[in-house]
């Protein structure tokens, strides 16, 4: 699967709802993205890490959001 189809599959995925996860859903359709999207993706990542990388890159490319942090582990009842 090439980079463009990986990006498209993340943008078109149905998010897990708040009812299921208890976590507010970030709606990727709200991102104001350039028409042409392409960025390098590592080929050796597991699926969850790959999706995390794609979402971070999409937020970086969006004109209406700013990525402040990525790849930060959150532990219940603690700040990290």
PDB file of N, CA and C in Angstrom:
ATOM      1  N   UNK A   1       0.857  -1.182   0.000  1.00  0.00           N
ATOM      2  CA  UNK A   1       0.000   0.000   0.000  1.00  0.00           C
ATOM      3  C   UNK A   1       0.898   1.238   0.000  1.00  0.00           C
ATOM      4  N   UNK A   2       0.603   2.174  -0.892  1.00  0.00           N
ATOM      5  CA  UNK A   2       1.442   3.375  -0.965  1.00  0.00           C
ATOM      6  C   UNK A   2       0.983   4.432   0.046  1.00  0.00           C
ATOM      7  N   UNK A   3       1.792   5.476   0.174  1.00  0.00           N
ATOM      8  CA  UNK A   3       1.545   6.510   1.178  1.00  0.00           C
ATOM      9  C   UNK A   3       0.192   7.179   0.990  1.00  0.00           C
ATOM     10  N   UNK A   4      -0.166   7.514  -0.245  1.00  0.00           N
ATOM     11  CA  UNK A   4      -1.434   8.207  -0.491  1.00  0.00           C
ATOM     12  C   UNK A   4      -2.626   7.355  -0.067  1.00  0.00           C
ATOM     13  N   UNK A   5      -2.586   6.072  -0.334  1.00  0.00           N
ATOM     14  CA  UNK A   5      -3.712   5.223   0.057  1.00  0.00           C
ATOM     15  C   UNK A   5      -3.747   5.005   1.570  1.00  0.00           C
ATOM     16  N   UNK A   6      -2.590   5.005   2.218  1.00  0.00           N
ATOM     17  CA  UNK A   6      -2.570   4.918   3.690  1.00  0.00           C
ATOM     18  C   UNK A   6      -3.188   6.160   4.309  1.00  0.00           C
ATOM     19  N   UNK A   7      -2.835   7.328   3.786  1.00  0.00           N
ATOM     20  CA  UNK A   7      -3.401   8.588   4.270  1.00  0.00           C
ATOM     21  C   UNK A   7      -4.920   8.585   4.054  1.00  0.00           C
ATOM     22  N   UNK A   8      -5.354   8.204   2.870  1.00  0.00           N
ATOM     23  CA  UNK A   8      -6.787   8.170   2.558  1.00  0.00           C
ATOM     24  C   UNK A   8      -7.532   7.209   3.476  1.00  0.00           C
ATOM     25  N   UNK A   9      -6.930   6.066   3.773  1.00  0.00           N
ATOM     26  CA  UNK A   9      -7.623   5.095   4.625  1.00  0.00           C
ATOM     27  C   UNK A   9      -7.799   5.632   6.045  1.00  0.00           C
ATOM     28  N   UNK A  10      -6.840   6.400   6.544  1.00  0.00           N
ATOM     29  CA  UNK A  10      -6.974   6.999   7.882  1.00  0.00           C
ATOM     30  C   UNK A  10      -8.051   8.084   7.856  1.00  0.00           C
ATOM     31  N   UNK A  11      -8.067   8.907   6.818  1.00  0.00           N
ATOM     32  CA  UNK A  11      -9.063   9.975   6.721  1.00  0.00           C
ATOM     33  C   UNK A  11     -10.484   9.432   6.569  1.00  0.00           C
ATOM     34  N   UNK A  12     -10.626   8.263   5.963  1.00  0.00           N
ATOM     35  CA  UNK A  12     -11.948   7.697   5.708  1.00  0.00           C
ATOM     36  C   UNK A  12     -12.412   6.725   6.796  1.00  0.00           C
ATOM     37  N   UNK A  13     -11.554   6.422   7.749  1.00  0.00           N
ATOM     38  CA  UNK A  13     -11.898   5.450   8.792  1.00  0.00           C
ATOM     39  C   UNK A  13     -12.992   5.992   9.704  1.00  0.00           C
ATOM     40  N   UNK A  14     -13.846   5.105  10.155  1.00  0.00           N
ATOM     41  CA  UNK A  14     -14.882   5.472  11.118  1.00  0.00           C
ATOM     42  C   UNK A  14     -14.258   5.472  12.508  1.00  0.00           C
ATOM     43  N   UNK A  15     -14.317   6.599  13.217  1.00  0.00           N
ATOM     44  CA  UNK A  15     -13.694   6.653  14.543  1.00  0.00           C
ATOM     45  C   UNK A  15     -14.494   5.858  15.573  1.00  0.00           C
ATOM     46  N   UNK A  16     -13.794   5.372  16.585  1.00  0.00           N
ATOM     47  CA  UNK A  16     -14.475   4.738  17.715  1.00  0.00           C
ATOM     48  C   UNK A  16     -15.186   5.832  18.492  1.00  0.00           C
ATOM     49  N   UNK A  17     -16.417   5.645  18.829  1.00  0.00           N
ATOM     50  CA  UNK A  17     -17.211   6.673  19.486  1.00  0.00           C
ATOM     51  C   UNK A  17     -16.880   6.835  20.953  1.00  0.00           C
ATOM     52  N   UNK A  18     -17.284   7.964  21.487  1.00  0.00           N
ATOM     53  CA  UNK A  18     -17.100   8.277  22.899  1.00  0.00           C
ATOM     54  C   UNK A  18     -17.765   7.219  23.778  1.00  0.00           C
ATOM     55  N   UNK A  19     -18.900   6.729  23.322  1.00  0.00           N
ATOM     56  CA  UNK A  19     -19.643   5.727  24.088  1.00  0.00           C
ATOM     57  C   UNK A  19     -18.801   4.474  24.323  1.00  0.00           C
ATOM     58  N   UNK A  20     -17.958   4.138  23.378  1.00  0.00           N
ATOM     59  CA  UNK A  20     -17.140   2.937  23.462  1.00  0.00           C
ATOM     60  C   UNK A  20     -15.839   3.168  24.229  1.00  0.00           C
ATOM     61  N   UNK A  21     -15.205   4.321  24.000  1.00  0.00           N
ATOM     62  CA  UNK A  21     -13.878   4.558  24.564  1.00  0.00           C
ATOM     63  C   UNK A  21     -13.886   5.444  25.802  1.00  0.00           C
ATOM     64  N   UNK A  22     -14.877   6.320  25.933  1.00  0.00           N
ATOM     65  CA  UNK A  22     -14.894   7.287  27.023  1.00  0.00           C
ATOM     66  C   UNK A  22     -13.972   8.465  26.763  1.00  0.00           C
ATOM     67  N   UNK A  23     -13.415   8.526  25.570  1.00  0.00           N
ATOM     68  CA  UNK A  23     -12.495   9.600  25.178  1.00  0.00           C
ATOM     69  C   UNK A  23     -13.153  10.411  24.063  1.00  0.00           C
ATOM     70  N   UNK A  24     -13.155  11.744  24.159  1.00  0.00           N
ATOM     71  CA  UNK A  24     -13.726  12.549  23.079  1.00  0.00           C
ATOM     72  C   UNK A  24     -13.037  12.244  21.743  1.00  0.00           C
ATOM     73  N   UNK A  25     -13.818  12.218  20.691  1.00  0.00           N
ATOM     74  CA  UNK A  25     -13.309  11.896  19.357  1.00  0.00           C
ATOM     75  C   UNK A  25     -12.790  13.167  18.690  1.00  0.00           C
ATOM     76  N   UNK A  26     -11.611  13.086  18.096  1.00  0.00           N
ATOM     77  CA  UNK A  26     -11.091  14.189  17.290  1.00  0.00           C
ATOM     78  C   UNK A  26     -11.545  13.930  15.855  1.00  0.00           C
ATOM     79  N   UNK A  27     -12.329  14.831  15.312  1.00  0.00           N
ATOM     80  CA  UNK A  27     -12.905  14.669  13.978  1.00  0.00           C
ATOM     81  C   UNK A  27     -11.899  15.128  12.925  1.00  0.00           C
ATOM     82  N   UNK A  28     -11.306  14.179  12.224  1.00  0.00           N
ATOM     83  CA  UNK A  28     -10.302  14.508  11.207  1.00  0.00           C
ATOM     84  C   UNK A  28     -10.889  15.288  10.037  1.00  0.00           C
ATOM     85  N   UNK A  29     -12.209  15.206   9.850  1.00  0.00           N
ATOM     86  CA  UNK A  29     -12.821  15.942   8.740  1.00  0.00           C
ATOM     87  C   UNK A  29     -12.799  17.453   8.983  1.00  0.00           C
ATOM     88  N   UNK A  30     -12.518  17.879  10.221  1.00  0.00           N
ATOM     89  CA  UNK A  30     -12.428  19.309  10.519  1.00  0.00           C
ATOM     90  C   UNK A  30     -11.096  19.916  10.090  1.00  0.00           C
ATOM     91  N   UNK A  31     -10.135  19.081   9.761  1.00  0.00           N
ATOM     92  CA  UNK A  31      -8.829  19.578   9.351  1.00  0.00           C
ATOM     93  C   UNK A  31      -8.924  20.249   7.985  1.00  0.00           C
ATOM     94  N   UNK A  32      -8.398  21.452   7.897  1.00  0.00           N
ATOM     95  CA  UNK A  32      -8.339  22.148   6.611  1.00  0.00           C
ATOM     96  C   UNK A  32      -6.991  21.794   5.985  1.00  0.00           C
ATOM     97  N   UNK A  33      -7.034  20.821   5.088  1.00  0.00           N
ATOM     98  CA  UNK A  33      -5.818  20.258   4.515  1.00  0.00           C
ATOM     99  C   UNK A  33      -5.605  20.750   3.094  1.00  0.00           C
ATOM    100  N   UNK A  34      -4.340  20.823   2.672  1.00  0.00           N
ATOM    101  CA  UNK A  34      -4.072  21.154   1.272  1.00  0.00           C
ATOM    102  C   UNK A  34      -4.604  20.033   0.378  1.00  0.00           C
ATOM    103  N   UNK A  35      -4.890  20.358  -0.876  1.00  0.00           N
ATOM    104  CA  UNK A  35      -5.417  19.348  -1.796  1.00  0.00           C
ATOM    105  C   UNK A  35      -4.437  18.212  -2.010  1.00  0.00           C
ATOM    106  N   UNK A  36      -3.178  18.543  -2.149  1.00  0.00           N
ATOM    107  CA  UNK A  36      -2.173  17.517  -2.397  1.00  0.00           C
ATOM    108  C   UNK A  36      -1.496  17.152  -1.081  1.00  0.00           C
ATOM    109  N   UNK A  37      -1.676  15.934  -0.650  1.00  0.00           N
ATOM    110  CA  UNK A  37      -1.071  15.449   0.592  1.00  0.00           C
ATOM    111  C   UNK A  37      -0.116  14.311   0.278  1.00  0.00           C
ATOM    112  N   UNK A  38       1.109  14.472   0.695  1.00  0.00           N
ATOM    113  CA  UNK A  38       2.072  13.392   0.573  1.00  0.00           C
ATOM    114  C   UNK A  38       3.218  13.704   1.531  1.00  0.00           C
ATOM    115  N   UNK A  39       3.632  12.699   2.265  1.00  0.00           N
ATOM    116  CA  UNK A  39       4.759  12.845   3.176  1.00  0.00           C
ATOM    117  C   UNK A  39       5.353  11.457   3.385  1.00  0.00           C
ATOM    118  N   UNK A  40       6.626  11.412   3.691  1.00  0.00           N
ATOM    119  CA  UNK A  40       7.262  10.103   3.863  1.00  0.00           C
ATOM    120  C   UNK A  40       6.756   9.399   5.122  1.00  0.00           C
ATOM    121  N   UNK A  41       6.564   8.112   5.002  1.00  0.00           N
ATOM    122  CA  UNK A  41       6.161   7.290   6.136  1.00  0.00           C
ATOM    123  C   UNK A  41       7.146   6.145   6.305  1.00  0.00           C
ATOM    124  N   UNK A  42       7.534   5.858   7.537  1.00  0.00           N
ATOM    125  CA  UNK A  42       8.404   4.706   7.771  1.00  0.00           C
ATOM    126  C   UNK A  42       7.677   3.421   7.376  1.00  0.00           C
ATOM    127  N   UNK A  43       8.420   2.442   6.930  1.00  0.00           N
ATOM    128  CA  UNK A  43       7.814   1.179   6.505  1.00  0.00           C
ATOM    129  C   UNK A  43       7.873   0.119   7.591  1.00  0.00           C
ATOM    130  N   UNK A  44       8.540   0.412   8.697  1.00  0.00           N
ATOM    131  CA  UNK A  44       8.747  -0.609   9.724  1.00  0.00           C
ATOM    132  C   UNK A  44       7.911  -0.383  10.984  1.00  0.00           C
ATOM    133  N   UNK A  45       6.809   0.355  10.875  1.00  0.00           N
ATOM    134  CA  UNK A  45       5.980   0.639  12.047  1.00  0.00           C
ATOM    135  C   UNK A  45       4.799  -0.319  12.124  1.00  0.00           C
ATOM    136  N   UNK A  46       4.421  -0.655  13.353  1.00  0.00           N
ATOM    137  CA  UNK A  46       3.187  -1.411  13.557  1.00  0.00           C
ATOM    138  C   UNK A  46       2.011  -0.494  13.265  1.00  0.00           C
ATOM    139  N   UNK A  47       0.840  -1.078  13.029  1.00  0.00           N
ATOM    140  CA  UNK A  47      -0.323  -0.329  12.561  1.00  0.00           C
ATOM    141  C   UNK A  47      -0.667   0.857  13.458  1.00  0.00           C
ATOM    142  N   UNK A  48      -0.758   0.659  14.766  1.00  0.00           N
ATOM    143  CA  UNK A  48      -1.116   1.751  15.666  1.00  0.00           C
ATOM    144  C   UNK A  48      -0.138   2.911  15.604  1.00  0.00           C
ATOM    145  N   UNK A  49       1.150   2.609  15.549  1.00  0.00           N
ATOM    146  CA  UNK A  49       2.176   3.657  15.455  1.00  0.00           C
ATOM    147  C   UNK A  49       2.109   4.350  14.096  1.00  0.00           C
ATOM    148  N   UNK A  50       1.794   3.587  13.065  1.00  0.00           N
ATOM    149  CA  UNK A  50       1.671   4.170  11.732  1.00  0.00           C
ATOM    150  C   UNK A  50       0.501   5.152  11.680  1.00  0.00           C
ATOM    151  N   UNK A  51      -0.635   4.761  12.235  1.00  0.00           N
ATOM    152  CA  UNK A  51      -1.801   5.647  12.253  1.00  0.00           C
ATOM    153  C   UNK A  51      -1.489   6.898  13.078  1.00  0.00           C
ATOM    154  N   UNK A  52      -0.820   6.730  14.218  1.00  0.00           N
ATOM    155  CA  UNK A  52      -0.429   7.878  15.041  1.00  0.00           C
ATOM    156  C   UNK A  52       0.451   8.831  14.251  1.00  0.00           C
ATOM    157  N   UNK A  53       1.394   8.308  13.501  1.00  0.00           N
ATOM    158  CA  UNK A  53       2.293   9.131  12.680  1.00  0.00           C
ATOM    159  C   UNK A  53       1.505   9.865  11.593  1.00  0.00           C
ATOM    160  N   UNK A  54       0.578   9.168  10.935  1.00  0.00           N
ATOM    161  CA  UNK A  54      -0.215   9.796   9.881  1.00  0.00           C
ATOM    162  C   UNK A  54      -1.076  10.916  10.454  1.00  0.00           C
ATOM    163  N   UNK A  55      -1.739  10.682  11.572  1.00  0.00           N
ATOM    164  CA  UNK A  55      -2.588  11.719  12.177  1.00  0.00           C
ATOM    165  C   UNK A  55      -1.743  12.925  12.593  1.00  0.00           C
ATOM    166  N   UNK A  56      -0.575  12.693  13.154  1.00  0.00           N
ATOM    167  CA  UNK A  56       0.311  13.806  13.530  1.00  0.00           C
ATOM    168  C   UNK A  56       0.704  14.617  12.298  1.00  0.00           C
ATOM    169  N   UNK A  57       1.045  13.937  11.218  1.00  0.00           N
ATOM    170  CA  UNK A  57       1.428  14.642   9.986  1.00  0.00           C
ATOM    171  C   UNK A  57       0.252  15.413   9.400  1.00  0.00           C
ATOM    172  N   UNK A  58      -0.947  14.848   9.455  1.00  0.00           N
ATOM    173  CA  UNK A  58      -2.131  15.545   8.954  1.00  0.00           C
ATOM    174  C   UNK A  58      -2.380  16.826   9.752  1.00  0.00           C
ATOM    175  N   UNK A  59      -2.239  16.753  11.070  1.00  0.00           N
ATOM    176  CA  UNK A  59      -2.440  17.947  11.893  1.00  0.00           C
ATOM    177  C   UNK A  59      -1.368  18.992  11.574  1.00  0.00           C
ATOM    178  N   UNK A  60      -0.134  18.563  11.361  1.00  0.00           N
ATOM    179  CA  UNK A  60       0.940  19.501  10.986  1.00  0.00           C
ATOM    180  C   UNK A  60       0.630  20.207   9.673  1.00  0.00           C
ATOM    181  N   UNK A  61       0.026  19.479   8.731  1.00  0.00           N
ATOM    182  CA  UNK A  61      -0.272  20.047   7.411  1.00  0.00           C
ATOM    183  C   UNK A  61      -1.525  20.918   7.419  1.00  0.00           C
ATOM    184  N   UNK A  62      -2.374  20.766   8.423  1.00  0.00           N
ATOM    185  CA  UNK A  62      -3.633  21.513   8.484  1.00  0.00           C
ATOM    186  C   UNK A  62      -3.371  22.990   8.762  1.00  0.00           C
ATOM    187  N   UNK A  63      -4.176  23.834   8.144  1.00  0.00           N
ATOM    188  CA  UNK A  63      -4.009  25.274   8.351  1.00  0.00           C
ATOM    189  C   UNK A  63      -4.792  25.773   9.565  1.00  0.00           C
ATOM    190  N   UNK A  64      -5.678  24.954  10.116  1.00  0.00           N
ATOM    191  CA  UNK A  64      -6.515  25.413  11.226  1.00  0.00           C
ATOM    192  C   UNK A  64      -6.182  24.759  12.569  1.00  0.00           C
ATOM    193  N   UNK A  65      -5.136  23.953  12.624  1.00  0.00           N
ATOM    194  CA  UNK A  65      -4.696  23.340  13.878  1.00  0.00           C
ATOM    195  C   UNK A  65      -3.178  23.408  13.967  1.00  0.00           C
ATOM    196  N   UNK A  66      -2.685  23.329  15.189  1.00  0.00           N
ATOM    197  CA  UNK A  66      -1.248  23.293  15.423  1.00  0.00           C
ATOM    198  C   UNK A  66      -0.958  22.080  16.312  1.00  0.00           C
ATOM    199  N   UNK A  67       0.001  21.286  15.898  1.00  0.00           N
ATOM    200  CA  UNK A  67       0.390  20.125  16.696  1.00  0.00           C
ATOM    201  C   UNK A  67       1.355  20.588  17.781  1.00  0.00           C
ATOM    202  N   UNK A  68       0.961  20.445  19.025  1.00  0.00           N
ATOM    203  CA  UNK A  68       1.806  20.864  20.140  1.00  0.00           C
ATOM    204  C   UNK A  68       2.706  19.732  20.619  1.00  0.00           C
ATOM    205  N   UNK A  69       2.164  18.531  20.702  1.00  0.00           N
ATOM    206  CA  UNK A  69       2.916  17.366  21.158  1.00  0.00           C
ATOM    207  C   UNK A  69       2.471  16.155  20.355  1.00  0.00           C
ATOM    208  N   UNK A  70       3.350  15.196  20.230  1.00  0.00           N
ATOM    209  CA  UNK A  70       2.923  13.902  19.714  1.00  0.00           C
ATOM    210  C   UNK A  70       3.729  12.811  20.409  1.00  0.00           C
ATOM    211  N   UNK A  71       3.168  11.630  20.379  1.00  0.00           N
ATOM    212  CA  UNK A  71       3.797  10.454  20.980  1.00  0.00           C
ATOM    213  C   UNK A  71       4.039  10.634  22.482  1.00  0.00           C
ATOM    214  N   UNK A  72       3.061  11.211  23.164  1.00  0.00           N
ATOM    215  CA  UNK A  72       3.131  11.389  24.613  1.00  0.00           C
ATOM    216  C   UNK A  72       2.219  10.356  25.261  1.00  0.00           C
ATOM    217  N   UNK A  73       2.759   9.578  26.176  1.00  0.00           N
ATOM    218  CA  UNK A  73       1.964   8.573  26.869  1.00  0.00           C
ATOM    219  C   UNK A  73       1.184   9.233  27.995  1.00  0.00           C
ATOM    220  N   UNK A  74      -0.100   8.926  28.068  1.00  0.00           N
ATOM    221  CA  UNK A  74      -0.952   9.453  29.135  1.00  0.00           C
ATOM    222  C   UNK A  74      -1.310   8.292  30.055  1.00  0.00           C
ATOM    223  N   UNK A  75      -1.033   8.485  31.332  1.00  0.00           N
ATOM    224  CA  UNK A  75      -1.324   7.454  32.318  1.00  0.00           C
ATOM    225  C   UNK A  75      -2.442   7.964  33.207  1.00  0.00           C
ATOM    226  N   UNK A  76      -3.465   7.153  33.413  1.00  0.00           N
ATOM    227  CA  UNK A  76      -4.633   7.533  34.200  1.00  0.00           C
ATOM    228  C   UNK A  76      -4.220   8.112  35.555  1.00  0.00           C
ATOM    229  N   UNK A  77      -4.797   9.251  35.900  1.00  0.00           N
ATOM    230  CA  UNK A  77      -4.571   9.921  37.189  1.00  0.00           C
ATOM    231  C   UNK A  77      -3.177  10.548  37.330  1.00  0.00           C
ATOM    232  N   UNK A  78      -2.385  10.532  36.305  1.00  0.00           N
ATOM    233  CA  UNK A  78      -1.048  11.144  36.376  1.00  0.00           C
ATOM    234  C   UNK A  78      -0.823  11.986  35.139  1.00  0.00           C
ATOM    235  N   UNK A  79       0.063  12.950  35.256  1.00  0.00           N
ATOM    236  CA  UNK A  79       0.426  13.760  34.092  1.00  0.00           C
ATOM    237  C   UNK A  79       1.818  13.342  33.646  1.00  0.00           C
ATOM    238  N   UNK A  80       1.983  13.230  32.356  1.00  0.00           N
ATOM    239  CA  UNK A  80       3.305  12.936  31.797  1.00  0.00           C
ATOM    240  C   UNK A  80       3.517  13.724  30.555  1.00  0.00           C
TER     241      UNK A  80
END
